[in-house]
PDB file of N, CA and C in Angstrom:
ATOM      1  N   MET A   1     103.068  82.157  70.127  1.00  0.00           N
ATOM      2  CA  MET A   1     101.986  81.239  69.789  1.00  0.00           C
ATOM      3  C   MET A   1     102.515  79.806  69.849  1.00  0.00           C
ATOM      4  N   GLY A   2     101.730  78.911  70.395  1.00  0.00           N
ATOM      5  CA  GLY A   2     102.162  77.523  70.440  1.00  0.00           C
ATOM      6  C   GLY A   2     102.507  77.068  71.842  1.00  0.00           C
ATOM      7  N   LEU A   3     103.745  77.332  72.264  1.00  0.00           N
ATOM      8  CA  LEU A   3     104.195  76.828  73.565  1.00  0.00           C
ATOM      9  C   LEU A   3     103.405  77.381  74.733  1.00  0.00           C
ATOM     10  N   ASP A   4     102.968  78.620  74.639  1.00  0.00           N
ATOM     11  CA  ASP A   4     102.206  79.196  75.746  1.00  0.00           C
ATOM     12  C   ASP A   4     100.912  78.416  76.000  1.00  0.00           C
ATOM     13  N   LYS A   5     100.410  77.735  74.980  1.00  0.00           N
ATOM     14  CA  LYS A   5      99.193  76.944  75.131  1.00  0.00           C
ATOM     15  C   LYS A   5      99.461  75.718  76.017  1.00  0.00           C
ATOM     16  N   LEU A   6     100.712  75.257  76.061  1.00  0.00           N
ATOM     17  CA  LEU A   6     101.072  74.079  76.852  1.00  0.00           C
ATOM     18  C   LEU A   6     101.430  74.432  78.290  1.00  0.00           C
ATOM     19  N   ALA A   7     101.784  75.675  78.519  1.00  0.00           N
ATOM     20  CA  ALA A   7     102.173  76.104  79.865  1.00  0.00           C
ATOM     21  C   ALA A   7     100.950  76.080  80.773  1.00  0.00           C
ATOM     22  N   PRO A   8     101.095  75.557  81.998  1.00  0.00           N
ATOM     23  CA  PRO A   8      99.950  75.549  82.911  1.00  0.00           C
ATOM     24  C   PRO A   8      99.511  76.976  83.240  1.00  0.00           C
ATOM     25  N   ARG A   9      98.213  77.137  83.363  1.00  0.00           N
ATOM     26  CA  ARG A   9      97.676  78.434  83.739  1.00  0.00           C
ATOM     27  C   ARG A   9      97.977  78.708  85.207  1.00  0.00           C
ATOM     28  N   LYS A  10      97.806  79.943  85.611  1.00  0.00           N
ATOM     29  CA  LYS A  10      98.099  80.357  86.993  1.00  0.00           C
ATOM     30  C   LYS A  10      97.343  79.491  88.003  1.00  0.00           C
ATOM     31  N   ALA A  11      96.082  79.222  87.758  1.00  0.00           N
ATOM     32  CA  ALA A  11      95.294  78.424  88.703  1.00  0.00           C
ATOM     33  C   ALA A  11      95.905  77.034  88.880  1.00  0.00           C
ATOM     34  N   GLU A  12      96.317  76.419  87.771  1.00  0.00           N
ATOM     35  CA  GLU A  12      96.902  75.074  87.847  1.00  0.00           C
ATOM     36  C   GLU A  12      98.272  75.105  88.523  1.00  0.00           C
ATOM     37  N   GLN A  13      99.031  76.176  88.288  1.00  0.00           N
ATOM     38  CA  GLN A  13     100.330  76.324  88.962  1.00  0.00           C
ATOM     39  C   GLN A  13     100.119  76.438  90.474  1.00  0.00           C
ATOM     40  N   GLU A  14      99.079  77.174  90.865  1.00  0.00           N
ATOM     41  CA  GLU A  14      98.799  77.344  92.291  1.00  0.00           C
ATOM     42  C   GLU A  14      98.309  76.039  92.909  1.00  0.00           C
ATOM     43  N   LEU A  15      97.522  75.268  92.174  1.00  0.00           N
ATOM     44  CA  LEU A  15      97.101  73.960  92.661  1.00  0.00           C
ATOM     45  C   LEU A  15      98.328  73.088  92.916  1.00  0.00           C
ATOM     46  N   SER A  16      99.229  73.066  91.970  1.00  0.00           N
ATOM     47  CA  SER A  16     100.451  72.272  92.093  1.00  0.00           C
ATOM     48  C   SER A  16     101.276  72.724  93.296  1.00  0.00           C
ATOM     49  N   ALA A  17     101.428  74.028  93.470  1.00  0.00           N
ATOM     50  CA  ALA A  17     102.182  74.569  94.611  1.00  0.00           C
ATOM     51  C   ALA A  17     101.479  74.221  95.924  1.00  0.00           C
ATOM     52  N   GLY A  18     100.163  74.270  95.916  1.00  0.00           N
ATOM     53  CA  GLY A  18      99.397  73.933  97.115  1.00  0.00           C
ATOM     54  C   GLY A  18      99.592  72.480  97.515  1.00  0.00           C
ATOM     55  N   LEU A  19      99.554  71.580  96.535  1.00  0.00           N
ATOM     56  CA  LEU A  19      99.739  70.155  96.816  1.00  0.00           C
ATOM     57  C   LEU A  19     101.149  69.876  97.309  1.00  0.00           C
ATOM     58  N   LYS A  20     102.126  70.548  96.708  1.00  0.00           N
ATOM     59  CA  LYS A  20     103.522  70.367  97.123  1.00  0.00           C
ATOM     60  C   LYS A  20     103.706  70.839  98.571  1.00  0.00           C
ATOM     61  N   ASN A  21     103.134  71.992  98.903  1.00  0.00           N
ATOM     62  CA  ASN A  21     103.223  72.499 100.278  1.00  0.00           C
ATOM     63  C   ASN A  21     102.515  71.559 101.251  1.00  0.00           C
ATOM     64  N   TYR A  22     101.382  71.012 100.842  1.00  0.00           N
ATOM     65  CA  TYR A  22     100.657  70.071 101.691  1.00  0.00           C
ATOM     66  C   TYR A  22     101.530  68.851 101.983  1.00  0.00           C
ATOM     67  N   GLU A  23     102.116  68.283 100.928  1.00  0.00           N
ATOM     68  CA  GLU A  23     102.967  67.100 101.084  1.00  0.00           C
ATOM     69  C   GLU A  23     104.145  67.375 102.007  1.00  0.00           C
ATOM     70  N   ASN A  24     104.625  68.617 102.030  1.00  0.00           N
ATOM     71  CA  ASN A  24     105.760  68.989 102.874  1.00  0.00           C
ATOM     72  C   ASN A  24     105.327  69.446 104.273  1.00  0.00           C
ATOM     73  N   GLY A  25     104.016  69.366 104.549  1.00  0.00           N
ATOM     74  CA  GLY A  25     103.525  69.715 105.877  1.00  0.00           C
ATOM     75  C   GLY A  25     103.340  71.198 106.125  1.00  0.00           C
ATOM     76  N   HIS A  26     103.390  72.002 105.082  1.00  0.00           N
ATOM     77  CA  HIS A  26     103.197  73.451 105.212  1.00  0.00           C
ATOM     78  C   HIS A  26     101.729  73.775 104.926  1.00  0.00           C
ATOM     79  N   TYR A  27     100.870  73.431 105.890  1.00  0.00           N
ATOM     80  CA  TYR A  27      99.430  73.481 105.647  1.00  0.00           C
ATOM     81  C   TYR A  27      98.879  74.883 105.431  1.00  0.00           C
ATOM     82  N   GLN A  28      99.395  75.850 106.175  1.00  0.00           N
ATOM     83  CA  GLN A  28      98.887  77.222 106.020  1.00  0.00           C
ATOM     84  C   GLN A  28      99.192  77.741 104.611  1.00  0.00           C
ATOM     85  N   MET A  29     100.414  77.513 104.151  1.00  0.00           N
ATOM     86  CA  MET A  29     100.802  77.942 102.806  1.00  0.00           C
ATOM     87  C   MET A  29     100.035  77.139 101.756  1.00  0.00           C
ATOM     88  N   ALA A  30      99.861  75.848 102.006  1.00  0.00           N
ATOM     89  CA  ALA A  30      99.118  74.988 101.079  1.00  0.00           C
ATOM     90  C   ALA A  30      97.689  75.515 100.914  1.00  0.00           C
ATOM     91  N   ALA A  31      97.054  75.840 102.031  1.00  0.00           N
ATOM     92  CA  ALA A  31      95.675  76.330 101.987  1.00  0.00           C
ATOM     93  C   ALA A  31      95.577  77.612 101.176  1.00  0.00           C
ATOM     94  N   LYS A  32      96.556  78.478 101.337  1.00  0.00           N
ATOM     95  CA  LYS A  32      96.561  79.739 100.587  1.00  0.00           C
ATOM     96  C   LYS A  32      96.630  79.471  99.077  1.00  0.00           C
ATOM     97  N   TYR A  33      97.561  78.613  98.672  1.00  0.00           N
ATOM     98  CA  TYR A  33      97.691  78.284  97.251  1.00  0.00           C
ATOM     99  C   TYR A  33      96.439  77.580  96.714  1.00  0.00           C
ATOM    100  N   LEU A  34      95.901  76.644  97.487  1.00  0.00           N
ATOM    101  CA  LEU A  34      94.720  75.904  97.029  1.00  0.00           C
ATOM    102  C   LEU A  34      93.527  76.838  96.853  1.00  0.00           C
ATOM    103  N   GLN A  35      93.349  77.758  97.811  1.00  0.00           N
ATOM    104  CA  GLN A  35      92.233  78.705  97.697  1.00  0.00           C
ATOM    105  C   GLN A  35      92.444  79.644  96.510  1.00  0.00           C
ATOM    106  N   ASN A  36      93.682  80.086  96.302  1.00  0.00           N
ATOM    107  CA  ASN A  36      93.981  80.937  95.147  1.00  0.00           C
ATOM    108  C   ASN A  36      93.693  80.197  93.847  1.00  0.00           C
ATOM    109  N   ALA A  37      94.031  78.914  93.807  1.00  0.00           N
ATOM    110  CA  ALA A  37      93.777  78.111  92.598  1.00  0.00           C
ATOM    111  C   ALA A  37      92.279  78.097  92.296  1.00  0.00           C
ATOM    112  N   LEU A  38      91.467  77.904  93.317  1.00  0.00           N
ATOM    113  CA  LEU A  38      90.012  77.912  93.123  1.00  0.00           C
ATOM    114  C   LEU A  38      89.526  79.297  92.704  1.00  0.00           C
ATOM    115  N   ASN A  39      90.059  80.327  93.355  1.00  0.00           N
ATOM    116  CA  ASN A  39      89.648  81.702  93.033  1.00  0.00           C
ATOM    117  C   ASN A  39      90.017  82.085  91.607  1.00  0.00           C
ATOM    118  N   ASN A  40      91.119  81.528  91.100  1.00  0.00           N
ATOM    119  CA  ASN A  40      91.576  81.853  89.748  1.00  0.00           C
ATOM    120  C   ASN A  40      90.934  80.983  88.671  1.00  0.00           C
ATOM    121  N   GLY A  41      90.047  80.081  89.073  1.00  0.00           N
ATOM    122  CA  GLY A  41      89.260  79.322  88.103  1.00  0.00           C
ATOM    123  C   GLY A  41      89.970  78.121  87.502  1.00  0.00           C
ATOM    124  N   LEU A  42      90.093  77.062  88.277  1.00  0.00           N
ATOM    125  CA  LEU A  42      90.662  75.821  87.747  1.00  0.00           C
ATOM    126  C   LEU A  42      89.792  75.317  86.601  1.00  0.00           C
ATOM    127  N   THR A  43      90.425  74.900  85.533  1.00  0.00           N
ATOM    128  CA  THR A  43      89.715  74.476  84.326  1.00  0.00           C
ATOM    129  C   THR A  43      88.926  73.187  84.534  1.00  0.00           C
ATOM    130  N   PHE A  44      89.578  72.195  85.116  1.00  0.00           N
ATOM    131  CA  PHE A  44      88.976  70.866  85.206  1.00  0.00           C
ATOM    132  C   PHE A  44      88.274  70.647  86.537  1.00  0.00           C
ATOM    133  N   LYS A  45      87.104  70.020  86.469  1.00  0.00           N
ATOM    134  CA  LYS A  45      86.349  69.721  87.685  1.00  0.00           C
ATOM    135  C   LYS A  45      87.156  68.825  88.619  1.00  0.00           C
ATOM    136  N   SER A  46      87.932  67.904  88.051  1.00  0.00           N
ATOM    137  CA  SER A  46      88.741  67.008  88.890  1.00  0.00           C
ATOM    138  C   SER A  46      89.749  67.817  89.711  1.00  0.00           C
ATOM    139  N   ASP A  47      90.309  68.881  89.120  1.00  0.00           N
ATOM    140  CA  ASP A  47      91.237  69.743  89.867  1.00  0.00           C
ATOM    141  C   ASP A  47      90.507  70.529  90.951  1.00  0.00           C
ATOM    142  N   GLN A  48      89.292  70.971  90.651  1.00  0.00           N
ATOM    143  CA  GLN A  48      88.499  71.691  91.646  1.00  0.00           C
ATOM    144  C   GLN A  48      88.202  70.781  92.836  1.00  0.00           C
ATOM    145  N   VAL A  49      87.827  69.539  92.541  1.00  0.00           N
ATOM    146  CA  VAL A  49      87.543  68.565  93.598  1.00  0.00           C
ATOM    147  C   VAL A  49      88.793  68.316  94.437  1.00  0.00           C
ATOM    148  N   THR A  50      89.942  68.172  93.771  1.00  0.00           N
ATOM    149  CA  THR A  50      91.208  67.949  94.483  1.00  0.00           C
ATOM    150  C   THR A  50      91.512  69.105  95.426  1.00  0.00           C
ATOM    151  N   ALA A  51      91.336  70.332  94.956  1.00  0.00           N
ATOM    152  CA  ALA A  51      91.598  71.505  95.800  1.00  0.00           C
ATOM    153  C   ALA A  51      90.688  71.508  97.022  1.00  0.00           C
ATOM    154  N   HIS A  52      89.398  71.246  96.816  1.00  0.00           N
ATOM    155  CA  HIS A  52      88.461  71.218  97.949  1.00  0.00           C
ATOM    156  C   HIS A  52      88.802  70.078  98.907  1.00  0.00           C
ATOM    157  N   LYS A  53      89.198  68.925  98.367  1.00  0.00           N
ATOM    158  CA  LYS A  53      89.543  67.777  99.209  1.00  0.00           C
ATOM    159  C   LYS A  53      90.715  68.120 100.131  1.00  0.00           C
ATOM    160  N   TYR A  54      91.777  68.696  99.569  1.00  0.00           N
ATOM    161  CA  TYR A  54      92.931  69.016 100.399  1.00  0.00           C
ATOM    162  C   TYR A  54      92.642  70.158 101.371  1.00  0.00           C
ATOM    163  N   LEU A  55      91.808  71.104 100.965  1.00  0.00           N
ATOM    164  CA  LEU A  55      91.395  72.151 101.908  1.00  0.00           C
ATOM    165  C   LEU A  55      90.607  71.520 103.068  1.00  0.00           C
ATOM    166  N   ALA A  56      89.780  70.523 102.747  1.00  0.00           N
ATOM    167  CA  ALA A  56      89.036  69.810 103.796  1.00  0.00           C
ATOM    168  C   ALA A  56      90.004  69.111 104.748  1.00  0.00           C
ATOM    169  N   PHE A  57      91.005  68.428 104.199  1.00  0.00           N
ATOM    170  CA  PHE A  57      91.989  67.739 105.049  1.00  0.00           C
ATOM    171  C   PHE A  57      92.651  68.734 106.000  1.00  0.00           C
ATOM    172  N   ILE A  58      93.055  69.889 105.450  1.00  0.00           N
ATOM    173  CA  ILE A  58      93.735  70.912 106.261  1.00  0.00           C
ATOM    174  C   ILE A  58      92.800  71.434 107.349  1.00  0.00           C
ATOM    175  N   ASP A  59      91.544  71.706 106.983  1.00  0.00           N
ATOM    176  CA  ASP A  59      90.579  72.196 107.976  1.00  0.00           C
ATOM    177  C   ASP A  59      90.344  71.154 109.064  1.00  0.00           C
ATOM    178  N   CYS A  60      90.214  69.884 108.677  1.00  0.00           N
ATOM    179  CA  CYS A  60      89.965  68.830 109.668  1.00  0.00           C
ATOM    180  C   CYS A  60      91.122  68.702 110.655  1.00  0.00           C
ATOM    181  N   VAL A  61      92.345  68.643 110.149  1.00  0.00           N
ATOM    182  CA  VAL A  61      93.484  68.486 111.068  1.00  0.00           C
ATOM    183  C   VAL A  61      93.733  69.750 111.888  1.00  0.00           C
ATOM    184  N   SER A  62      93.180  70.873 111.433  1.00  0.00           N
ATOM    185  CA  SER A  62      93.289  72.138 112.175  1.00  0.00           C
ATOM    186  C   SER A  62      92.103  72.341 113.113  1.00  0.00           C
ATOM    187  N   GLU A  63      91.314  71.267 113.290  1.00  0.00           N
ATOM    188  CA  GLU A  63      90.149  71.278 114.183  1.00  0.00           C
ATOM    189  C   GLU A  63      89.097  72.306 113.789  1.00  0.00           C
ATOM    190  N   ARG A  64      88.932  72.487 112.486  1.00  0.00           N
ATOM    191  CA  ARG A  64      87.873  73.364 111.969  1.00  0.00           C
ATOM    192  C   ARG A  64      86.871  72.462 111.228  1.00  0.00           C
ATOM    193  N   GLU A  65      86.103  71.710 112.021  1.00  0.00           N
ATOM    194  CA  GLU A  65      85.224  70.703 111.416  1.00  0.00           C
ATOM    195  C   GLU A  65      84.162  71.318 110.510  1.00  0.00           C
ATOM    196  N   LYS A  66      83.615  72.470 110.910  1.00  0.00           N
ATOM    197  CA  LYS A  66      82.578  73.105 110.080  1.00  0.00           C
ATOM    198  C   LYS A  66      83.126  73.426 108.684  1.00  0.00           C
ATOM    199  N   GLN A  67      84.329  74.001 108.624  1.00  0.00           N
ATOM    200  CA  GLN A  67      84.950  74.332 107.335  1.00  0.00           C
ATOM    201  C   GLN A  67      85.326  73.059 106.577  1.00  0.00           C
ATOM    202  N   CYS A  68      85.772  72.048 107.306  1.00  0.00           N
ATOM    203  CA  CYS A  68      86.114  70.761 106.695  1.00  0.00           C
ATOM    204  C   CYS A  68      84.885  70.185 106.001  1.00  0.00           C
ATOM    205  N   ARG A  69      83.774  70.166 106.716  1.00  0.00           N
ATOM    206  CA  ARG A  69      82.520  69.649 106.153  1.00  0.00           C
ATOM    207  C   ARG A  69      82.125  70.442 104.907  1.00  0.00           C
ATOM    208  N   GLU A  70      82.279  71.754 104.971  1.00  0.00           N
ATOM    209  CA  GLU A  70      81.914  72.620 103.841  1.00  0.00           C
ATOM    210  C   GLU A  70      82.759  72.304 102.605  1.00  0.00           C
ATOM    211  N   GLN A  71      84.048  72.066 102.805  1.00  0.00           N
ATOM    212  CA  GLN A  71      84.928  71.745 101.667  1.00  0.00           C
ATOM    213  C   GLN A  71      84.541  70.406 101.046  1.00  0.00           C
ATOM    214  N   PHE A  72      84.260  69.413 101.885  1.00  0.00           N
ATOM    215  CA  PHE A  72      83.829  68.114 101.350  1.00  0.00           C
ATOM    216  C   PHE A  72      82.497  68.267 100.612  1.00  0.00           C
ATOM    217  N   LYS A  73      81.609  69.089 101.159  1.00  0.00           N
ATOM    218  CA  LYS A  73      80.302  69.325 100.529  1.00  0.00           C
ATOM    219  C   LYS A  73      80.495  69.936  99.136  1.00  0.00           C
ATOM    220  N   ARG A  74      81.394  70.907  99.026  1.00  0.00           N
ATOM    221  CA  ARG A  74      81.660  71.534  97.730  1.00  0.00           C
ATOM    222  C   ARG A  74      82.231  70.533  96.737  1.00  0.00           C
ATOM    223  N   ALA A  75      83.145  69.678  97.215  1.00  0.00           N
ATOM    224  CA  ALA A  75      83.731  68.662  96.340  1.00  0.00           C
ATOM    225  C   ALA A  75      82.632  67.732  95.814  1.00  0.00           C
ATOM    226  N   LEU A  76      81.712  67.332  96.693  1.00  0.00           N
ATOM    227  CA  LEU A  76      80.631  66.427  96.286  1.00  0.00           C
ATOM    228  C   LEU A  76      79.605  67.130  95.387  1.00  0.00           C
ATOM    229  N   GLU A  77      79.449  68.431  95.535  1.00  0.00           N
ATOM    230  CA  GLU A  77      78.548  69.172  94.642  1.00  0.00           C
ATOM    231  C   GLU A  77      79.123  69.203  93.225  1.00  0.00           C
ATOM    232  N   ILE A  78      80.438  69.315  93.125  1.00  0.00           N
ATOM    233  CA  ILE A  78      81.093  69.327  91.815  1.00  0.00           C
ATOM    234  C   ILE A  78      81.055  67.930  91.194  1.00  0.00           C
ATOM    235  N   ASN A  79      81.338  66.922  92.026  1.00  0.00           N
ATOM    236  CA  ASN A  79      81.351  65.533  91.553  1.00  0.00           C
ATOM    237  C   ASN A  79      80.642  64.665  92.586  1.00  0.00           C
ATOM    238  N   PRO A  80      79.330  64.404  92.379  1.00  0.00           N
ATOM    239  CA  PRO A  80      78.571  63.612  93.346  1.00  0.00           C
ATOM    240  C   PRO A  80      79.137  62.196  93.553  1.00  0.00           C
ATOM    241  N   GLY A  81      79.916  61.692  92.606  1.00  0.00           N
ATOM    242  CA  GLY A  81      80.500  60.367  92.735  1.00  0.00           C
ATOM    243  C   GLY A  81      81.874  60.374  93.388  1.00  0.00           C
ATOM    244  N   PHE A  82      82.309  61.530  93.850  1.00  0.00           N
ATOM    245  CA  PHE A  82      83.633  61.668  94.459  1.00  0.00           C
ATOM    246  C   PHE A  82      83.788  60.735  95.654  1.00  0.00           C
ATOM    247  N   GLU A  83      84.913  60.031  95.697  1.00  0.00           N
ATOM    248  CA  GLU A  83      85.252  59.128  96.804  1.00  0.00           C
ATOM    249  C   GLU A  83      86.679  59.411  97.252  1.00  0.00           C
ATOM    250  N   LEU A  84      86.940  59.167  98.505  1.00  0.00           N
ATOM    251  CA  LEU A  84      88.307  59.214  99.000  1.00  0.00           C
ATOM    252  C   LEU A  84      88.969  57.880  98.680  1.00  0.00           C
ATOM    253  N   SER A  85      90.300  57.887  98.571  1.00  0.00           N
ATOM    254  CA  SER A  85      91.022  56.619  98.409  1.00  0.00           C
ATOM    255  C   SER A  85      90.851  55.817  99.696  1.00  0.00           C
ATOM    256  N   ALA A  86      91.167  54.534  99.657  1.00  0.00           N
ATOM    257  CA  ALA A  86      91.030  53.689 100.846  1.00  0.00           C
ATOM    258  C   ALA A  86      91.845  54.245 102.016  1.00  0.00           C
ATOM    259  N   ALA A  87      93.071  54.684 101.737  1.00  0.00           N
ATOM    260  CA  ALA A  87      93.929  55.230 102.791  1.00  0.00           C
ATOM    261  C   ALA A  87      93.337  56.526 103.356  1.00  0.00           C
ATOM    262  N   GLU A  88      92.828  57.389 102.462  1.00  0.00           N
ATOM    263  CA  GLU A  88      92.237  58.652 102.912  1.00  0.00           C
ATOM    264  C   GLU A  88      90.967  58.398 103.729  1.00  0.00           C
ATOM    265  N   ALA A  89      90.129  57.477 103.245  1.00  0.00           N
ATOM    266  CA  ALA A  89      88.857  57.188 103.914  1.00  0.00           C
ATOM    267  C   ALA A  89      89.070  56.600 105.299  1.00  0.00           C
ATOM    268  N   GLY A  90      90.204  55.918 105.497  1.00  0.00           N
ATOM    269  CA  GLY A  90      90.495  55.322 106.790  1.00  0.00           C
ATOM    270  C   GLY A  90      91.112  56.280 107.795  1.00  0.00           C
ATOM    271  N   HIS A  91      91.347  57.518 107.375  1.00  0.00           N
ATOM    272  CA  HIS A  91      91.965  58.493 108.277  1.00  0.00           C
ATOM    273  C   HIS A  91      91.026  58.769 109.450  1.00  0.00           C
ATOM    274  N   PRO A  92      91.547  58.732 110.691  1.00  0.00           N
ATOM    275  CA  PRO A  92      90.674  58.879 111.865  1.00  0.00           C
ATOM    276  C   PRO A  92      90.032  60.255 112.020  1.00  0.00           C
ATOM    277  N   ILE A  93      90.622  61.288 111.430  1.00  0.00           N
ATOM    278  CA  ILE A  93      90.062  62.631 111.609  1.00  0.00           C
ATOM    279  C   ILE A  93      89.066  62.959 110.499  1.00  0.00           C
ATOM    280  N   TRP A  94      89.506  62.895 109.233  1.00  0.00           N
ATOM    281  CA  TRP A  94      88.593  63.341 108.176  1.00  0.00           C
ATOM    282  C   TRP A  94      87.752  62.230 107.561  1.00  0.00           C
ATOM    283  N   GLY A  95      88.122  60.968 107.764  1.00  0.00           N
ATOM    284  CA  GLY A  95      87.326  59.860 107.214  1.00  0.00           C
ATOM    285  C   GLY A  95      85.877  59.903 107.675  1.00  0.00           C
ATOM    286  N   PRO A  96      85.646  59.952 109.006  1.00  0.00           N
ATOM    287  CA  PRO A  96      84.262  60.000 109.499  1.00  0.00           C
ATOM    288  C   PRO A  96      83.512  61.259 109.047  1.00  0.00           C
ATOM    289  N   VAL A  97      84.205  62.387 108.976  1.00  0.00           N
ATOM    290  CA  VAL A  97      83.569  63.640 108.544  1.00  0.00           C
ATOM    291  C   VAL A  97      83.107  63.492 107.094  1.00  0.00           C
ATOM    292  N   PHE A  98      83.981  62.946 106.244  1.00  0.00           N
ATOM    293  CA  PHE A  98      83.621  62.761 104.839  1.00  0.00           C
ATOM    294  C   PHE A  98      82.415  61.836 104.703  1.00  0.00           C
ATOM    295  N   ARG A  99      82.424  60.712 105.414  1.00  0.00           N
ATOM    296  CA  ARG A  99      81.308  59.756 105.302  1.00  0.00           C
ATOM    297  C   ARG A  99      79.990  60.396 105.732  1.00  0.00           C
ATOM    298  N   LYS A 100      80.054  61.231 106.764  1.00  0.00           N
ATOM    299  CA  LYS A 100      78.844  61.902 107.248  1.00  0.00           C
ATOM    300  C   LYS A 100      78.308  62.880 106.189  1.00  0.00           C
ATOM    301  N   VAL A 101      79.211  63.677 105.619  1.00  0.00           N
ATOM    302  CA  VAL A 101      78.804  64.639 104.586  1.00  0.00           C
ATOM    303  C   VAL A 101      78.266  63.890 103.366  1.00  0.00           C
ATOM    304  N   GLN A 102      78.950  62.816 102.986  1.00  0.00           N
ATOM    305  CA  GLN A 102      78.536  62.014 101.826  1.00  0.00           C
ATOM    306  C   GLN A 102      77.120  61.445 102.052  1.00  0.00           C
ATOM    307  N   ALA A 103      76.861  60.940 103.251  1.00  0.00           N
ATOM    308  CA  ALA A 103      75.542  60.392 103.575  1.00  0.00           C
ATOM    309  C   ALA A 103      74.472  61.477 103.523  1.00  0.00           C
ATOM    310  N   GLU A 104      74.800  62.660 104.047  1.00  0.00           N
ATOM    311  CA  GLU A 104      73.846  63.776 104.016  1.00  0.00           C
ATOM    312  C   GLU A 104      73.534  64.173 102.581  1.00  0.00           C
ATOM    313  N   GLN A 105      74.572  64.213 101.735  1.00  0.00           N
ATOM    314  CA  GLN A 105      74.383  64.602 100.333  1.00  0.00           C
ATOM    315  C   GLN A 105      73.488  63.593  99.616  1.00  0.00           C
ATOM    316  N   SER A 106      73.715  62.295  99.861  1.00  0.00           N
ATOM    317  CA  SER A 106      72.892  61.297  99.164  1.00  0.00           C
ATOM    318  C   SER A 106      71.457  61.299  99.688  1.00  0.00           C
ATOM    319  N   GLN A 107      71.256  61.648 100.963  1.00  0.00           N
ATOM    320  CA  GLN A 107      69.909  61.782 101.516  1.00  0.00           C
ATOM    321  C   GLN A 107      69.139  62.912 100.835  1.00  0.00           C
ATOM    322  N   GLN A 108      69.842  64.030 100.589  1.00  0.00           N
ATOM    323  CA  GLN A 108      69.203  65.198  99.983  1.00  0.00           C
ATOM    324  C   GLN A 108      68.791  64.919  98.540  1.00  0.00           C
ATOM    325  N   LYS A 109      69.472  63.998  97.888  1.00  0.00           N
ATOM    326  CA  LYS A 109      69.181  63.732  96.474  1.00  0.00           C
ATOM    327  C   LYS A 109      67.968  62.810  96.298  1.00  0.00           C
ATOM    328  N   ARG A 110      67.522  62.183  97.388  1.00  0.00           N
ATOM    329  CA  ARG A 110      66.387  61.251  97.277  1.00  0.00           C
ATOM    330  C   ARG A 110      65.065  61.960  97.282  1.00  0.00           C
TER     331      ARG A 110
END
């Protein structure tokens, strides 16, 4: 009792492993960990959005635009105010895809 409450849950550990693999360029492994993190129920919406965002990045650079769009759509459904950082938004591959999905989402809300 006590310390186990501070230990990250499996989903959060998988999110962390997924981000680390992404940073190291191991996209296939990163995607596996990120999807497992979502499947295991990430506690915080911000973590869920992060997982979907990185899955979108991986799908976009892997030329899977439909899946990329779907991941961005899920992130925006969780947090309609979700934005990419300036550096992320300027990316030539996923920046335009994100802006398109974001515009579609805001159109649907009107």
